[in-house]
Amino acid sequence: MNKDILGNLLRDALNPEFLEINDRTESHSGHASSGGGGHYEVRIVSGRFAGLPPLARHRLVNTATDPVRQEIHALSIKAYSPEEFAAQTQPKTQRPAIALNVL
């Protein structure tokens, strides 16, 4: 399996505004516990996540990837609503510097 198949499943089920999938399988090759399955990191933004706790979001992602679950050993999920993602990607405002003159 490759990350394109994973991406297609997530797009079809969750209609994400943003989707990033990193295949980390190579960094785990040779590990006895890998079982031959892939290791993936998913960062996804969808309106379907609005108002849902993290566990419910992960369940939606896991349900979407169910057809290829046997080919996945590890799936790291970071799921955001559009509002959360926008707040996270905006630059933090810096506090103005305060100059003190000490004599």
Foldseek 3Di string as FASTA:
>chain_A
DDVVVLVVLCCVQFVFPDKDKDWPQVVCPPPPQQLQATAMEMETEGQVCPPPDPVVVVVSSCVSCVVCVVRHRYYHYHYYYPVVVVVVPDDDDDDDDDDDDDD
